[in-house]
Amino acid sequence: MKVQPLADRVLVKQEKSEAKTAGGIIIPDTAQEKTQTGVVVAIGPGTEKEKITISVGQKVMYDKYSGTQIKIDGEDHLILKNHDIVAVIE
């Protein structure tokens, strides 16, 4: 399935959180923190008020409870508004 964001939206592939600590303790899914980083997969064209300042392939950090969660080919993705992205990680 191909998804193309509209307006000031960005499609981000979520990164998986660690399921095991360094000491070997397994953390159940219900106790794990929600992932807040991901890789930009696609971007919308932007609007007159909101220009898109990131590009495909960049690793980004976003607000904790933002976006619409979707599955594409069995993998978790988010559709975020451009202003929900708080940082680019290099």
PDB file of N, CA and C in Angstrom:
ATOM      1  N   MET A   1       0.848  -1.175   0.000  1.00  0.00           N
ATOM      2  CA  MET A   1       0.000   0.000   0.000  1.00  0.00           C
ATOM      3  C   MET A   1       0.895   1.240   0.000  1.00  0.00           C
ATOM      4  N   LYS A   2       0.524   2.228  -0.804  1.00  0.00           N
ATOM      5  CA  LYS A   2       1.270   3.471  -0.872  1.00  0.00           C
ATOM      6  C   LYS A   2       0.418   4.578  -0.273  1.00  0.00           C
ATOM      7  N   VAL A   3       0.999   5.362   0.648  1.00  0.00           N
ATOM      8  CA  VAL A   3       0.289   6.451   1.306  1.00  0.00           C
ATOM      9  C   VAL A   3       1.039   7.751   1.021  1.00  0.00           C
ATOM     10  N   GLN A   4       0.330   8.736   0.502  1.00  0.00           N
ATOM     11  CA  GLN A   4       0.924  10.053   0.234  1.00  0.00           C
ATOM     12  C   GLN A   4       0.233  11.089   1.120  1.00  0.00           C
ATOM     13  N   PRO A   5       0.963  11.677   2.087  1.00  0.00           N
ATOM     14  CA  PRO A   5       0.357  12.692   2.955  1.00  0.00           C
ATOM     15  C   PRO A   5      -0.070  13.931   2.170  1.00  0.00           C
ATOM     16  N   LEU A   6      -1.093  14.613   2.657  1.00  0.00           N
ATOM     17  CA  LEU A   6      -1.592  15.836   2.040  1.00  0.00           C
ATOM     18  C   LEU A   6      -1.215  17.042   2.897  1.00  0.00           C
ATOM     19  N   ALA A   7      -1.230  18.211   2.289  1.00  0.00           N
ATOM     20  CA  ALA A   7      -1.006  19.506   2.947  1.00  0.00           C
ATOM     21  C   ALA A   7       0.267  19.489   3.797  1.00  0.00           C
ATOM     22  N   ASP A   8       0.143  19.782   5.095  1.00  0.00           N
ATOM     23  CA  ASP A   8       1.319  19.878   5.967  1.00  0.00           C
ATOM     24  C   ASP A   8       1.531  18.597   6.779  1.00  0.00           C
ATOM     25  N   ARG A   9       1.150  17.449   6.227  1.00  0.00           N
ATOM     26  CA  ARG A   9       1.280  16.177   6.933  1.00  0.00           C
ATOM     27  C   ARG A   9       2.579  15.467   6.534  1.00  0.00           C
ATOM     28  N   VAL A  10       3.069  14.626   7.453  1.00  0.00           N
ATOM     29  CA  VAL A  10       4.304  13.872   7.247  1.00  0.00           C
ATOM     30  C   VAL A  10       4.050  12.426   7.665  1.00  0.00           C
ATOM     31  N   LEU A  11       4.487  11.467   6.851  1.00  0.00           N
ATOM     32  CA  LEU A  11       4.371  10.045   7.177  1.00  0.00           C
ATOM     33  C   LEU A  11       5.688   9.588   7.785  1.00  0.00           C
ATOM     34  N   VAL A  12       5.620   9.055   9.000  1.00  0.00           N
ATOM     35  CA  VAL A  12       6.810   8.640   9.752  1.00  0.00           C
ATOM     36  C   VAL A  12       6.692   7.169  10.119  1.00  0.00           C
ATOM     37  N   LYS A  13       7.756   6.408   9.867  1.00  0.00           N
ATOM     38  CA  LYS A  13       7.813   5.016  10.294  1.00  0.00           C
ATOM     39  C   LYS A  13       8.347   5.003  11.721  1.00  0.00           C
ATOM     40  N   GLN A  14       7.552   4.470  12.642  1.00  0.00           N
ATOM     41  CA  GLN A  14       7.933   4.454  14.044  1.00  0.00           C
ATOM     42  C   GLN A  14       9.073   3.472  14.292  1.00  0.00           C
ATOM     43  N   GLU A  15       9.969   3.849  15.211  1.00  0.00           N
ATOM     44  CA  GLU A  15      11.030   2.941  15.616  1.00  0.00           C
ATOM     45  C   GLU A  15      10.519   2.058  16.735  1.00  0.00           C
ATOM     46  N   LYS A  16      10.970   0.835  16.743  1.00  0.00           N
ATOM     47  CA  LYS A  16      10.582  -0.106  17.796  1.00  0.00           C
ATOM     48  C   LYS A  16      11.327   0.251  19.082  1.00  0.00           C
ATOM     49  N   SER A  17      10.627   0.163  20.225  1.00  0.00           N
ATOM     50  CA  SER A  17      11.276   0.386  21.500  1.00  0.00           C
ATOM     51  C   SER A  17      11.902  -0.917  21.982  1.00  0.00           C
ATOM     52  N   GLU A  18      12.900  -0.796  22.806  1.00  0.00           N
ATOM     53  CA  GLU A  18      13.606  -1.969  23.321  1.00  0.00           C
ATOM     54  C   GLU A  18      12.681  -2.806  24.199  1.00  0.00           C
ATOM     55  N   ALA A  19      12.634  -4.105  23.967  1.00  0.00           N
ATOM     56  CA  ALA A  19      11.779  -4.996  24.748  1.00  0.00           C
ATOM     57  C   ALA A  19      12.551  -5.650  25.893  1.00  0.00           C
ATOM     58  N   LYS A  20      13.868  -5.399  25.946  1.00  0.00           N
ATOM     59  CA  LYS A  20      14.697  -6.015  26.969  1.00  0.00           C
ATOM     60  C   LYS A  20      15.695  -4.982  27.488  1.00  0.00           C
ATOM     61  N   THR A  21      15.899  -4.966  28.802  1.00  0.00           N
ATOM     62  CA  THR A  21      16.871  -4.040  29.384  1.00  0.00           C
ATOM     63  C   THR A  21      18.284  -4.578  29.189  1.00  0.00           C
ATOM     64  N   ALA A  22      19.283  -3.751  29.506  1.00  0.00           N
ATOM     65  CA  ALA A  22      20.678  -4.172  29.383  1.00  0.00           C
ATOM     66  C   ALA A  22      20.980  -5.354  30.300  1.00  0.00           C
ATOM     67  N   GLY A  23      20.255  -5.454  31.408  1.00  0.00           N
ATOM     68  CA  GLY A  23      20.453  -6.551  32.353  1.00  0.00           C
ATOM     69  C   GLY A  23      19.710  -7.821  31.969  1.00  0.00           C
ATOM     70  N   GLY A  24      18.934  -7.788  30.875  1.00  0.00           N
ATOM     71  CA  GLY A  24      18.241  -8.973  30.401  1.00  0.00           C
ATOM     72  C   GLY A  24      16.799  -9.095  30.843  1.00  0.00           C
ATOM     73  N   ILE A  25      16.266  -8.079  31.526  1.00  0.00           N
ATOM     74  CA  ILE A  25      14.876  -8.121  31.971  1.00  0.00           C
ATOM     75  C   ILE A  25      13.973  -7.772  30.792  1.00  0.00           C
ATOM     76  N   ILE A  26      12.969  -8.614  30.540  1.00  0.00           N
ATOM     77  CA  ILE A  26      12.032  -8.389  29.436  1.00  0.00           C
ATOM     78  C   ILE A  26      10.923  -7.453  29.908  1.00  0.00           C
ATOM     79  N   ILE A  27      10.679  -6.402  29.127  1.00  0.00           N
ATOM     80  CA  ILE A  27       9.653  -5.415  29.446  1.00  0.00           C
ATOM     81  C   ILE A  27       8.412  -5.730  28.613  1.00  0.00           C
ATOM     82  N   PRO A  28       7.254  -5.976  29.259  1.00  0.00           N
ATOM     83  CA  PRO A  28       6.044  -6.258  28.486  1.00  0.00           C
ATOM     84  C   PRO A  28       5.588  -5.026  27.697  1.00  0.00           C
ATOM     85  N   ASP A  29       4.858  -5.253  26.602  1.00  0.00           N
ATOM     86  CA  ASP A  29       4.392  -4.161  25.748  1.00  0.00           C
ATOM     87  C   ASP A  29       3.596  -3.111  26.516  1.00  0.00           C
ATOM     88  N   THR A  30       2.803  -3.545  27.498  1.00  0.00           N
ATOM     89  CA  THR A  30       1.961  -2.611  28.244  1.00  0.00           C
ATOM     90  C   THR A  30       2.770  -1.670  29.129  1.00  0.00           C
ATOM     91  N   ALA A  31       3.993  -2.031  29.483  1.00  0.00           N
ATOM     92  CA  ALA A  31       4.822  -1.205  30.355  1.00  0.00           C
ATOM     93  C   ALA A  31       5.824  -0.352  29.582  1.00  0.00           C
ATOM     94  N   GLN A  32       5.930  -0.548  28.289  1.00  0.00           N
ATOM     95  CA  GLN A  32       6.902   0.204  27.501  1.00  0.00           C
ATOM     96  C   GLN A  32       6.403   1.610  27.218  1.00  0.00           C
ATOM     97  N   GLU A  33       7.341   2.545  27.144  1.00  0.00           N
ATOM     98  CA  GLU A  33       7.023   3.919  26.771  1.00  0.00           C
ATOM     99  C   GLU A  33       6.661   3.970  25.293  1.00  0.00           C
ATOM    100  N   LYS A  34       5.777   4.852  24.934  1.00  0.00           N
ATOM    101  CA  LYS A  34       5.412   5.029  23.535  1.00  0.00           C
ATOM    102  C   LYS A  34       6.610   5.616  22.787  1.00  0.00           C
ATOM    103  N   THR A  35       6.917   5.052  21.633  1.00  0.00           N
ATOM    104  CA  THR A  35       8.036   5.510  20.824  1.00  0.00           C
ATOM    105  C   THR A  35       7.813   6.942  20.386  1.00  0.00           C
ATOM    106  N   GLN A  36       8.865   7.759  20.439  1.00  0.00           N
ATOM    107  CA  GLN A  36       8.748   9.151  20.042  1.00  0.00           C
ATOM    108  C   GLN A  36       9.723   9.516  18.938  1.00  0.00           C
ATOM    109  N   THR A  37      10.341   8.528  18.311  1.00  0.00           N
ATOM    110  CA  THR A  37      11.242   8.802  17.206  1.00  0.00           C
ATOM    111  C   THR A  37      10.866   7.916  16.026  1.00  0.00           C
ATOM    112  N   GLY A  38      11.244   8.378  14.850  1.00  0.00           N
ATOM    113  CA  GLY A  38      10.962   7.608  13.652  1.00  0.00           C
ATOM    114  C   GLY A  38      11.677   8.207  12.454  1.00  0.00           C
ATOM    115  N   VAL A  39      11.506   7.563  11.322  1.00  0.00           N
ATOM    116  CA  VAL A  39      12.139   7.995  10.079  1.00  0.00           C
ATOM    117  C   VAL A  39      11.057   8.485   9.121  1.00  0.00           C
ATOM    118  N   VAL A  40      11.284   9.639   8.511  1.00  0.00           N
ATOM    119  CA  VAL A  40      10.331  10.223   7.575  1.00  0.00           C
ATOM    120  C   VAL A  40      10.299   9.384   6.302  1.00  0.00           C
ATOM    121  N   VAL A  41       9.102   8.921   5.930  1.00  0.00           N
ATOM    122  CA  VAL A  41       8.909   8.078   4.756  1.00  0.00           C
ATOM    123  C   VAL A  41       8.363   8.893   3.583  1.00  0.00           C
ATOM    124  N   ALA A  42       7.454   9.831   3.864  1.00  0.00           N
ATOM    125  CA  ALA A  42       6.864  10.662   2.822  1.00  0.00           C
ATOM    126  C   ALA A  42       6.420  11.981   3.432  1.00  0.00           C
ATOM    127  N   ILE A  43       6.373  13.019   2.605  1.00  0.00           N
ATOM    128  CA  ILE A  43       5.939  14.332   3.077  1.00  0.00           C
ATOM    129  C   ILE A  43       4.902  14.904   2.123  1.00  0.00           C
ATOM    130  N   GLY A  44       4.023  15.730   2.685  1.00  0.00           N
ATOM    131  CA  GLY A  44       3.043  16.432   1.865  1.00  0.00           C
ATOM    132  C   GLY A  44       3.689  17.669   1.239  1.00  0.00           C
ATOM    133  N   PRO A  45       2.957  18.358   0.374  1.00  0.00           N
ATOM    134  CA  PRO A  45       3.518  19.527  -0.314  1.00  0.00           C
ATOM    135  C   PRO A  45       3.608  20.773   0.550  1.00  0.00           C
ATOM    136  N   GLY A  46       2.980  20.769   1.729  1.00  0.00           N
ATOM    137  CA  GLY A  46       2.962  21.954   2.574  1.00  0.00           C
ATOM    138  C   GLY A  46       1.812  22.870   2.184  1.00  0.00           C
ATOM    139  N   THR A  47       1.664  23.952   2.931  1.00  0.00           N
ATOM    140  CA  THR A  47       0.637  24.948   2.650  1.00  0.00           C
ATOM    141  C   THR A  47       1.294  26.319   2.625  1.00  0.00           C
ATOM    142  N   GLU A  48       0.533  27.348   2.314  1.00  0.00           N
ATOM    143  CA  GLU A  48       1.089  28.699   2.322  1.00  0.00           C
ATOM    144  C   GLU A  48       1.530  29.106   3.722  1.00  0.00           C
ATOM    145  N   LYS A  49       0.780  28.690   4.740  1.00  0.00           N
ATOM    146  CA  LYS A  49       1.112  29.037   6.126  1.00  0.00           C
ATOM    147  C   LYS A  49       2.160  28.109   6.723  1.00  0.00           C
ATOM    148  N   GLU A  50       2.170  26.849   6.330  1.00  0.00           N
ATOM    149  CA  GLU A  50       3.034  25.832   6.941  1.00  0.00           C
ATOM    150  C   GLU A  50       3.914  25.190   5.875  1.00  0.00           C
ATOM    151  N   LYS A  51       5.163  25.625   5.805  1.00  0.00           N
ATOM    152  CA  LYS A  51       6.127  25.053   4.861  1.00  0.00           C
ATOM    153  C   LYS A  51       6.759  23.808   5.483  1.00  0.00           C
ATOM    154  N   ILE A  52       7.000  22.779   4.680  1.00  0.00           N
ATOM    155  CA  ILE A  52       7.641  21.557   5.147  1.00  0.00           C
ATOM    156  C   ILE A  52       9.156  21.794   5.155  1.00  0.00           C
ATOM    157  N   THR A  53       9.784  21.615   6.314  1.00  0.00           N
ATOM    158  CA  THR A  53      11.208  21.915   6.457  1.00  0.00           C
ATOM    159  C   THR A  53      12.076  20.672   6.615  1.00  0.00           C
ATOM    160  N   ILE A  54      11.462  19.499   6.558  1.00  0.00           N
ATOM    161  CA  ILE A  54      12.228  18.258   6.681  1.00  0.00           C
ATOM    162  C   ILE A  54      12.178  17.517   5.358  1.00  0.00           C
ATOM    163  N   SER A  55      12.979  16.462   5.236  1.00  0.00           N
ATOM    164  CA  SER A  55      12.982  15.695   3.996  1.00  0.00           C
ATOM    165  C   SER A  55      12.894  14.204   4.291  1.00  0.00           C
ATOM    166  N   VAL A  56      12.562  13.447   3.272  1.00  0.00           N
ATOM    167  CA  VAL A  56      12.428  11.995   3.389  1.00  0.00           C
ATOM    168  C   VAL A  56      13.778  11.407   3.811  1.00  0.00           C
ATOM    169  N   GLY A  57      13.737  10.456   4.753  1.00  0.00           N
ATOM    170  CA  GLY A  57      14.944   9.777   5.219  1.00  0.00           C
ATOM    171  C   GLY A  57      15.510  10.331   6.511  1.00  0.00           C
ATOM    172  N   GLN A  58      15.059  11.507   6.931  1.00  0.00           N
ATOM    173  CA  GLN A  58      15.560  12.078   8.178  1.00  0.00           C
ATOM    174  C   GLN A  58      14.929  11.389   9.382  1.00  0.00           C
ATOM    175  N   LYS A  59      15.721  11.241  10.437  1.00  0.00           N
ATOM    176  CA  LYS A  59      15.222  10.690  11.696  1.00  0.00           C
ATOM    177  C   LYS A  59      14.720  11.862  12.533  1.00  0.00           C
ATOM    178  N   VAL A  60      13.476  11.761  13.030  1.00  0.00           N
ATOM    179  CA  VAL A  60      12.852  12.867  13.742  1.00  0.00           C
ATOM    180  C   VAL A  60      12.305  12.428  15.096  1.00  0.00           C
ATOM    181  N   MET A  61      12.110  13.417  15.974  1.00  0.00           N
ATOM    182  CA  MET A  61      11.458  13.221  17.265  1.00  0.00           C
ATOM    183  C   MET A  61      10.153  14.017  17.207  1.00  0.00           C
ATOM    184  N   TYR A  62       9.071  13.433  17.740  1.00  0.00           N
ATOM    185  CA  TYR A  62       7.762  14.072  17.655  1.00  0.00           C
ATOM    186  C   TYR A  62       7.071  14.052  19.002  1.00  0.00           C
ATOM    187  N   ASP A  63       6.012  14.872  19.129  1.00  0.00           N
ATOM    188  CA  ASP A  63       5.234  14.940  20.364  1.00  0.00           C
ATOM    189  C   ASP A  63       4.666  13.567  20.711  1.00  0.00           C
ATOM    190  N   LYS A  64       4.586  13.286  22.007  1.00  0.00           N
ATOM    191  CA  LYS A  64       4.256  11.947  22.498  1.00  0.00           C
ATOM    192  C   LYS A  64       2.915  11.390  22.016  1.00  0.00           C
ATOM    193  N   TYR A  65       1.850  12.145  22.063  1.00  0.00           N
ATOM    194  CA  TYR A  65       0.527  11.613  21.729  1.00  0.00           C
ATOM    195  C   TYR A  65      -0.031  12.212  20.443  1.00  0.00           C
ATOM    196  N   SER A  66       0.838  12.563  19.523  1.00  0.00           N
ATOM    197  CA  SER A  66       0.382  13.201  18.291  1.00  0.00           C
ATOM    198  C   SER A  66       0.222  12.193  17.161  1.00  0.00           C
ATOM    199  N   GLY A  67      -0.507  12.596  16.139  1.00  0.00           N
ATOM    200  CA  GLY A  67      -0.600  11.807  14.921  1.00  0.00           C
ATOM    201  C   GLY A  67      -1.696  10.766  14.903  1.00  0.00           C
ATOM    202  N   THR A  68      -1.856  10.208  13.717  1.00  0.00           N
ATOM    203  CA  THR A  68      -2.804   9.134  13.470  1.00  0.00           C
ATOM    204  C   THR A  68      -2.008   7.878  13.154  1.00  0.00           C
ATOM    205  N   GLN A  69      -2.215   6.835  13.935  1.00  0.00           N
ATOM    206  CA  GLN A  69      -1.456   5.599  13.769  1.00  0.00           C
ATOM    207  C   GLN A  69      -2.079   4.730  12.680  1.00  0.00           C
ATOM    208  N   ILE A  70      -1.226   4.231  11.763  1.00  0.00           N
ATOM    209  CA  ILE A  70      -1.678   3.320  10.712  1.00  0.00           C
ATOM    210  C   ILE A  70      -0.647   2.216  10.532  1.00  0.00           C
ATOM    211  N   LYS A  71      -1.082   1.103   9.956  1.00  0.00           N
ATOM    212  CA  LYS A  71      -0.173   0.014   9.617  1.00  0.00           C
ATOM    213  C   LYS A  71      -0.043  -0.033   8.105  1.00  0.00           C
ATOM    214  N   ILE A  72       1.199  -0.082   7.630  1.00  0.00           N
ATOM    215  CA  ILE A  72       1.473  -0.213   6.206  1.00  0.00           C
ATOM    216  C   ILE A  72       2.365  -1.428   6.040  1.00  0.00           C
ATOM    217  N   ASP A  73       1.888  -2.416   5.317  1.00  0.00           N
ATOM    218  CA  ASP A  73       2.617  -3.674   5.115  1.00  0.00           C
ATOM    219  C   ASP A  73       3.064  -4.290   6.443  1.00  0.00           C
ATOM    220  N   GLY A  74       2.205  -4.220   7.472  1.00  0.00           N
ATOM    221  CA  GLY A  74       2.473  -4.833   8.760  1.00  0.00           C
ATOM    222  C   GLY A  74       3.379  -4.041   9.679  1.00  0.00           C
ATOM    223  N   GLU A  75       3.786  -2.835   9.290  1.00  0.00           N
ATOM    224  CA  GLU A  75       4.668  -2.013  10.121  1.00  0.00           C
ATOM    225  C   GLU A  75       3.936  -0.760  10.582  1.00  0.00           C
ATOM    226  N   ASP A  76       4.233  -0.323  11.831  1.00  0.00           N
ATOM    227  CA  ASP A  76       3.573   0.842  12.413  1.00  0.00           C
ATOM    228  C   ASP A  76       4.119   2.141  11.828  1.00  0.00           C
ATOM    229  N   HIS A  77       3.194   3.008  11.429  1.00  0.00           N
ATOM    230  CA  HIS A  77       3.531   4.333  10.917  1.00  0.00           C
ATOM    231  C   HIS A  77       2.616   5.352  11.585  1.00  0.00           C
ATOM    232  N   LEU A  78       3.004   6.614  11.517  1.00  0.00           N
ATOM    233  CA  LEU A  78       2.183   7.717  11.997  1.00  0.00           C
ATOM    234  C   LEU A  78       2.055   8.757  10.899  1.00  0.00           C
ATOM    235  N   ILE A  79       0.876   9.350  10.794  1.00  0.00           N
ATOM    236  CA  ILE A  79       0.708  10.530   9.957  1.00  0.00           C
ATOM    237  C   ILE A  79       0.638  11.711  10.925  1.00  0.00           C
ATOM    238  N   LEU A  80       1.657  12.574  10.852  1.00  0.00           N
ATOM    239  CA  LEU A  80       1.800  13.703  11.770  1.00  0.00           C
ATOM    240  C   LEU A  80       1.613  15.012  11.031  1.00  0.00           C
ATOM    241  N   LYS A  81       1.221  16.039  11.760  1.00  0.00           N
ATOM    242  CA  LYS A  81       1.281  17.389  11.219  1.00  0.00           C
ATOM    243  C   LYS A  81       2.729  17.852  11.353  1.00  0.00           C
ATOM    244  N   ASN A  82       3.148  18.698  10.432  1.00  0.00           N
ATOM    245  CA  ASN A  82       4.531  19.181  10.424  1.00  0.00           C
ATOM    246  C   ASN A  82       4.922  19.810  11.777  1.00  0.00           C
ATOM    247  N   HIS A  83       4.006  20.546  12.403  1.00  0.00           N
ATOM    248  CA  HIS A  83       4.354  21.229  13.659  1.00  0.00           C
ATOM    249  C   HIS A  83       4.423  20.263  14.853  1.00  0.00           C
ATOM    250  N   ASP A  84       4.010  18.994  14.702  1.00  0.00           N
ATOM    251  CA  ASP A  84       4.151  18.005  15.769  1.00  0.00           C
ATOM    252  C   ASP A  84       5.583  17.471  15.859  1.00  0.00           C
ATOM    253  N   ILE A  85       6.374  17.686  14.823  1.00  0.00           N
ATOM    254  CA  ILE A  85       7.770  17.252  14.835  1.00  0.00           C
ATOM    255  C   ILE A  85       8.576  18.304  15.570  1.00  0.00           C
ATOM    256  N   VAL A  86       9.281  17.853  16.618  1.00  0.00           N
ATOM    257  CA  VAL A  86       9.987  18.790  17.481  1.00  0.00           C
ATOM    258  C   VAL A  86      11.481  18.867  17.227  1.00  0.00           C
ATOM    259  N   ALA A  87      12.072  17.846  16.581  1.00  0.00           N
ATOM    260  CA  ALA A  87      13.515  17.853  16.348  1.00  0.00           C
ATOM    261  C   ALA A  87      13.910  16.881  15.256  1.00  0.00           C
ATOM    262  N   VAL A  88      15.033  17.181  14.621  1.00  0.00           N
ATOM    263  CA  VAL A  88      15.667  16.255  13.670  1.00  0.00           C
ATOM    264  C   VAL A  88      16.870  15.665  14.381  1.00  0.00           C
ATOM    265  N   ILE A  89      17.007  14.338  14.348  1.00  0.00           N
ATOM    266  CA  ILE A  89      18.102  13.652  15.037  1.00  0.00           C
ATOM    267  C   ILE A  89      19.161  13.292  14.006  1.00  0.00           C
ATOM    268  N   GLU A  90      20.401  13.698  14.274  1.00  0.00           N
ATOM    269  CA  GLU A  90      21.495  13.393  13.337  1.00  0.00           C
ATOM    270  C   GLU A  90      22.413  12.341  13.905  1.00  0.00           C
TER     271      GLU A  90
END
